[in-house]
Amino acid sequence: MSERFFLEGKDGVSLMVRVKPGAREDAVLGVRAGELVVSVKARPEKGKANIEVIRLLSGELGISRAEVVLKRGGASPRKVFALPASVVPALQRLERGA
């Protein structure tokens, strides 16, 4: 079994994400090495890729964009997002590859 890509805490969930900017499509590619791997078309310029990652995650997890908070890694491909605890079932589905 792979390393856990999200951690549940008293204040919600921390989600570890690896971003591939400048890709052909916006997509959730799966879980690898303890990170949720996502691709976005946007380039990593002036926060554009971060905005698209937030849009992609909110849509995939069924929450508002305001509920996806970038905590660490603004200028890095490795990021940590804070999410509400309500997303745990959706994250578990991603973990299973469903």
N, C-alpha and C. Protein backbone atom coordinates (compact mmCIF):
# COMPACT_ATOMS: atom_id res chain seq x y z
N MET A 1 0.85 -1.19 0.00
CA MET A 1 0.00 0.00 0.00
C MET A 1 0.89 1.24 0.00
N SER A 2 0.47 2.26 -0.71
CA SER A 2 1.27 3.47 -0.81
C SER A 2 1.12 4.33 0.44
N GLU A 3 2.05 5.25 0.58
CA GLU A 3 2.01 6.22 1.67
C GLU A 3 0.73 7.03 1.60
N ARG A 4 0.22 7.42 2.73
CA ARG A 4 -1.03 8.20 2.78
C ARG A 4 -0.80 9.60 2.22
N PHE A 5 -1.65 10.05 1.33
CA PHE A 5 -1.49 11.36 0.69
C PHE A 5 -2.31 12.44 1.37
N PHE A 6 -3.07 12.06 2.41
CA PHE A 6 -3.79 13.05 3.20
C PHE A 6 -3.77 12.64 4.65
N LEU A 7 -3.82 13.65 5.51
CA LEU A 7 -3.81 13.44 6.95
C LEU A 7 -5.03 14.11 7.56
N GLU A 8 -5.75 13.37 8.37
CA GLU A 8 -6.91 13.92 9.06
C GLU A 8 -6.46 14.51 10.39
N GLY A 9 -6.97 15.69 10.70
CA GLY A 9 -6.66 16.35 11.95
C GLY A 9 -7.92 16.94 12.55
N LYS A 10 -7.76 17.56 13.70
CA LYS A 10 -8.95 18.12 14.38
C LYS A 10 -9.55 19.29 13.61
N ASP A 11 -8.74 19.96 12.78
CA ASP A 11 -9.23 21.12 12.03
C ASP A 11 -9.56 20.82 10.58
N GLY A 12 -9.52 19.56 10.19
CA GLY A 12 -9.80 19.20 8.81
C GLY A 12 -8.76 18.26 8.25
N VAL A 13 -8.45 18.42 6.98
CA VAL A 13 -7.56 17.50 6.26
C VAL A 13 -6.41 18.28 5.63
N SER A 14 -5.21 17.70 5.72
CA SER A 14 -4.05 18.22 4.97
C SER A 14 -3.84 17.29 3.78
N LEU A 15 -3.80 17.86 2.59
CA LEU A 15 -3.67 17.09 1.35
C LEU A 15 -2.33 17.42 0.70
N MET A 16 -1.51 16.39 0.47
CA MET A 16 -0.24 16.56 -0.20
C MET A 16 -0.44 16.37 -1.71
N VAL A 17 0.00 17.35 -2.48
CA VAL A 17 -0.24 17.36 -3.92
C VAL A 17 1.07 17.60 -4.66
N ARG A 18 1.27 16.89 -5.76
CA ARG A 18 2.38 17.11 -6.68
C ARG A 18 1.76 17.64 -7.97
N VAL A 19 2.16 18.84 -8.40
CA VAL A 19 1.56 19.49 -9.55
C VAL A 19 2.48 19.41 -10.77
N LYS A 20 1.89 19.09 -11.91
CA LYS A 20 2.60 19.10 -13.18
C LYS A 20 1.99 20.22 -14.02
N PRO A 21 2.58 21.43 -13.98
CA PRO A 21 2.04 22.56 -14.74
C PRO A 21 2.41 22.45 -16.22
N GLY A 22 1.69 23.20 -17.05
CA GLY A 22 1.99 23.23 -18.48
C GLY A 22 1.63 21.93 -19.19
N ALA A 23 0.70 21.18 -18.64
CA ALA A 23 0.30 19.89 -19.22
C ALA A 23 -0.72 20.09 -20.34
N ARG A 24 -1.05 19.02 -21.02
CA ARG A 24 -2.03 19.07 -22.09
C ARG A 24 -3.45 19.22 -21.58
N GLU A 25 -3.69 18.72 -20.36
CA GLU A 25 -5.04 18.79 -19.80
C GLU A 25 -5.01 18.96 -18.29
N ASP A 26 -6.11 19.45 -17.76
CA ASP A 26 -6.29 19.53 -16.32
C ASP A 26 -6.85 18.17 -15.88
N ALA A 27 -6.13 17.48 -14.99
CA ALA A 27 -6.57 16.15 -14.60
C ALA A 27 -5.96 15.73 -13.27
N VAL A 28 -6.70 14.87 -12.57
CA VAL A 28 -6.16 14.18 -11.39
C VAL A 28 -5.58 12.88 -11.93
N LEU A 29 -4.28 12.69 -11.77
CA LEU A 29 -3.60 11.55 -12.37
C LEU A 29 -3.51 10.34 -11.45
N GLY A 30 -3.75 10.55 -10.16
CA GLY A 30 -3.71 9.43 -9.22
C GLY A 30 -2.80 9.71 -8.05
N VAL A 31 -2.62 8.69 -7.23
CA VAL A 31 -1.79 8.80 -6.03
C VAL A 31 -0.48 8.08 -6.28
N ARG A 32 0.62 8.79 -6.03
CA ARG A 32 1.96 8.20 -6.19
C ARG A 32 2.87 8.73 -5.09
N ALA A 33 3.57 7.83 -4.43
CA ALA A 33 4.58 8.19 -3.43
C ALA A 33 4.05 9.16 -2.38
N GLY A 34 2.85 8.91 -1.90
CA GLY A 34 2.29 9.73 -0.85
C GLY A 34 1.82 11.11 -1.26
N GLU A 35 1.54 11.29 -2.55
CA GLU A 35 1.06 12.58 -3.05
C GLU A 35 -0.05 12.33 -4.08
N LEU A 36 -1.01 13.24 -4.11
CA LEU A 36 -2.00 13.24 -5.18
C LEU A 36 -1.38 13.99 -6.34
N VAL A 37 -1.23 13.33 -7.47
CA VAL A 37 -0.60 13.95 -8.63
C VAL A 37 -1.68 14.54 -9.54
N VAL A 38 -1.52 15.83 -9.85
CA VAL A 38 -2.46 16.52 -10.73
C VAL A 38 -1.69 17.25 -11.83
N SER A 39 -2.33 17.36 -12.98
CA SER A 39 -1.75 18.14 -14.07
C SER A 39 -2.69 19.30 -14.37
N VAL A 40 -2.09 20.43 -14.72
CA VAL A 40 -2.88 21.60 -15.13
C VAL A 40 -2.25 22.22 -16.37
N LYS A 41 -3.09 22.77 -17.23
CA LYS A 41 -2.60 23.42 -18.45
C LYS A 41 -1.83 24.70 -18.14
N ALA A 42 -2.24 25.38 -17.09
CA ALA A 42 -1.63 26.67 -16.75
C ALA A 42 -0.15 26.54 -16.44
N ARG A 43 0.59 27.57 -16.79
CA ARG A 43 2.03 27.64 -16.49
C ARG A 43 2.20 28.17 -15.07
N PRO A 44 3.32 27.87 -14.44
CA PRO A 44 3.56 28.35 -13.08
C PRO A 44 4.03 29.81 -13.06
N GLU A 45 3.19 30.69 -13.55
CA GLU A 45 3.51 32.12 -13.63
C GLU A 45 2.47 32.92 -12.86
N LYS A 46 2.92 33.72 -11.92
CA LYS A 46 2.03 34.62 -11.16
C LYS A 46 0.87 33.89 -10.51
N GLY A 47 1.11 32.66 -10.04
CA GLY A 47 0.08 31.91 -9.33
C GLY A 47 -0.99 31.28 -10.19
N LYS A 48 -0.85 31.36 -11.52
CA LYS A 48 -1.88 30.83 -12.41
C LYS A 48 -2.09 29.32 -12.23
N ALA A 49 -1.00 28.56 -12.09
CA ALA A 49 -1.13 27.12 -11.91
C ALA A 49 -1.81 26.81 -10.57
N ASN A 50 -1.47 27.56 -9.52
CA ASN A 50 -2.10 27.34 -8.22
C ASN A 50 -3.61 27.56 -8.29
N ILE A 51 -4.03 28.59 -9.00
CA ILE A 51 -5.46 28.88 -9.15
C ILE A 51 -6.16 27.71 -9.84
N GLU A 52 -5.52 27.17 -10.86
CA GLU A 52 -6.12 26.04 -11.59
C GLU A 52 -6.14 24.77 -10.75
N VAL A 53 -5.12 24.56 -9.93
CA VAL A 53 -5.12 23.40 -9.05
C VAL A 53 -6.28 23.51 -8.06
N ILE A 54 -6.49 24.68 -7.49
CA ILE A 54 -7.60 24.89 -6.57
C ILE A 54 -8.93 24.64 -7.27
N ARG A 55 -9.08 25.14 -8.49
CA ARG A 55 -10.31 24.91 -9.26
C ARG A 55 -10.52 23.42 -9.50
N LEU A 56 -9.46 22.72 -9.90
CA LEU A 56 -9.54 21.29 -10.19
C LEU A 56 -9.90 20.49 -8.93
N LEU A 57 -9.22 20.78 -7.83
CA LEU A 57 -9.48 20.05 -6.59
C LEU A 57 -10.90 20.30 -6.08
N SER A 58 -11.34 21.55 -6.13
CA SER A 58 -12.69 21.84 -5.63
C SER A 58 -13.74 21.09 -6.44
N GLY A 59 -13.57 21.05 -7.75
CA GLY A 59 -14.51 20.31 -8.60
C GLY A 59 -14.47 18.82 -8.35
N GLU A 60 -13.28 18.28 -8.22
CA GLU A 60 -13.10 16.84 -8.00
C GLU A 60 -13.67 16.40 -6.65
N LEU A 61 -13.54 17.27 -5.65
CA LEU A 61 -13.95 16.91 -4.29
C LEU A 61 -15.35 17.41 -3.94
N GLY A 62 -15.96 18.19 -4.83
CA GLY A 62 -17.32 18.66 -4.60
C GLY A 62 -17.44 19.70 -3.51
N ILE A 63 -16.45 20.57 -3.41
CA ILE A 63 -16.47 21.65 -2.42
C ILE A 63 -16.22 22.98 -3.13
N SER A 64 -16.42 24.08 -2.41
CA SER A 64 -16.18 25.39 -3.02
C SER A 64 -14.68 25.67 -3.09
N ARG A 65 -14.30 26.55 -3.98
CA ARG A 65 -12.90 26.94 -4.11
C ARG A 65 -12.38 27.55 -2.82
N ALA A 66 -13.23 28.27 -2.11
CA ALA A 66 -12.83 28.91 -0.85
C ALA A 66 -12.45 27.90 0.22
N GLU A 67 -12.91 26.65 0.08
CA GLU A 67 -12.60 25.61 1.06
C GLU A 67 -11.28 24.90 0.77
N VAL A 68 -10.64 25.23 -0.35
CA VAL A 68 -9.34 24.66 -0.72
C VAL A 68 -8.29 25.74 -0.45
N VAL A 69 -7.54 25.57 0.63
CA VAL A 69 -6.61 26.60 1.08
C VAL A 69 -5.17 26.10 0.92
N LEU A 70 -4.38 26.83 0.14
CA LEU A 70 -2.97 26.49 -0.04
C LEU A 70 -2.21 26.87 1.22
N LYS A 71 -1.61 25.87 1.88
CA LYS A 71 -0.89 26.11 3.13
C LYS A 71 0.62 26.23 2.92
N ARG A 72 1.17 25.38 2.04
CA ARG A 72 2.61 25.38 1.78
C ARG A 72 2.88 25.05 0.32
N GLY A 73 3.97 25.61 -0.20
CA GLY A 73 4.43 25.25 -1.53
C GLY A 73 3.93 26.12 -2.65
N GLY A 74 3.64 27.38 -2.38
CA GLY A 74 3.12 28.27 -3.41
C GLY A 74 3.96 28.34 -4.66
N ALA A 75 5.30 28.25 -4.51
CA ALA A 75 6.19 28.34 -5.67
C ALA A 75 6.85 27.00 -5.99
N SER A 76 6.33 25.93 -5.43
CA SER A 76 6.91 24.60 -5.60
C SER A 76 5.90 23.67 -6.25
N PRO A 77 6.37 22.63 -6.94
CA PRO A 77 5.43 21.65 -7.47
C PRO A 77 4.81 20.79 -6.36
N ARG A 78 5.45 20.73 -5.21
CA ARG A 78 4.92 19.99 -4.05
C ARG A 78 4.19 20.96 -3.14
N LYS A 79 2.90 20.71 -2.94
CA LYS A 79 2.06 21.63 -2.19
C LYS A 79 1.28 20.89 -1.10
N VAL A 80 0.87 21.65 -0.10
CA VAL A 80 -0.01 21.12 0.94
C VAL A 80 -1.23 22.03 1.00
N PHE A 81 -2.41 21.42 0.90
CA PHE A 81 -3.67 22.14 0.95
C PHE A 81 -4.43 21.74 2.21
N ALA A 82 -5.12 22.71 2.81
CA ALA A 82 -6.02 22.45 3.92
C ALA A 82 -7.43 22.33 3.35
N LEU A 83 -8.14 21.30 3.76
CA LEU A 83 -9.49 21.02 3.27
C LEU A 83 -10.41 20.70 4.44
N PRO A 84 -11.71 20.84 4.25
CA PRO A 84 -12.64 20.45 5.32
C PRO A 84 -12.69 18.93 5.47
N ALA A 85 -13.03 18.48 6.67
CA ALA A 85 -13.09 17.04 6.95
C ALA A 85 -14.11 16.32 6.09
N SER A 86 -15.08 17.03 5.56
CA SER A 86 -16.14 16.41 4.75
C SER A 86 -15.62 15.76 3.46
N VAL A 87 -14.37 16.05 3.07
CA VAL A 87 -13.84 15.50 1.82
C VAL A 87 -13.22 14.11 1.99
N VAL A 88 -13.14 13.62 3.21
CA VAL A 88 -12.47 12.33 3.45
C VAL A 88 -13.04 11.21 2.58
N PRO A 89 -14.36 11.03 2.46
CA PRO A 89 -14.86 9.96 1.57
C PRO A 89 -14.39 10.11 0.12
N ALA A 90 -14.37 11.32 -0.39
CA ALA A 90 -13.90 11.55 -1.77
C ALA A 90 -12.41 11.22 -1.89
N LEU A 91 -11.62 11.58 -0.89
CA LEU A 91 -10.19 11.28 -0.91
C LEU A 91 -9.96 9.77 -0.83
N GLN A 92 -10.77 9.08 -0.06
CA GLN A 92 -10.65 7.63 0.03
C GLN A 92 -10.96 6.96 -1.30
N ARG A 93 -11.94 7.53 -2.03
CA ARG A 93 -12.24 7.01 -3.38
C ARG A 93 -11.04 7.20 -4.31
N LEU A 94 -10.41 8.38 -4.23
CA LEU A 94 -9.22 8.63 -5.06
C LEU A 94 -8.10 7.67 -4.69
N GLU A 95 -7.97 7.40 -3.41
CA GLU A 95 -6.93 6.49 -2.92
C GLU A 95 -7.12 5.09 -3.48
N ARG A 96 -8.37 4.67 -3.59
CA ARG A 96 -8.68 3.35 -4.14
C ARG A 96 -8.63 3.32 -5.66
N GLY A 97 -8.52 4.51 -6.27
CA GLY A 97 -8.49 4.59 -7.72
C GLY A 97 -9.86 4.51 -8.35
N ALA A 98 -10.88 4.79 -7.56
CA ALA A 98 -12.27 4.70 -8.06
C ALA A 98 -12.67 5.97 -8.80
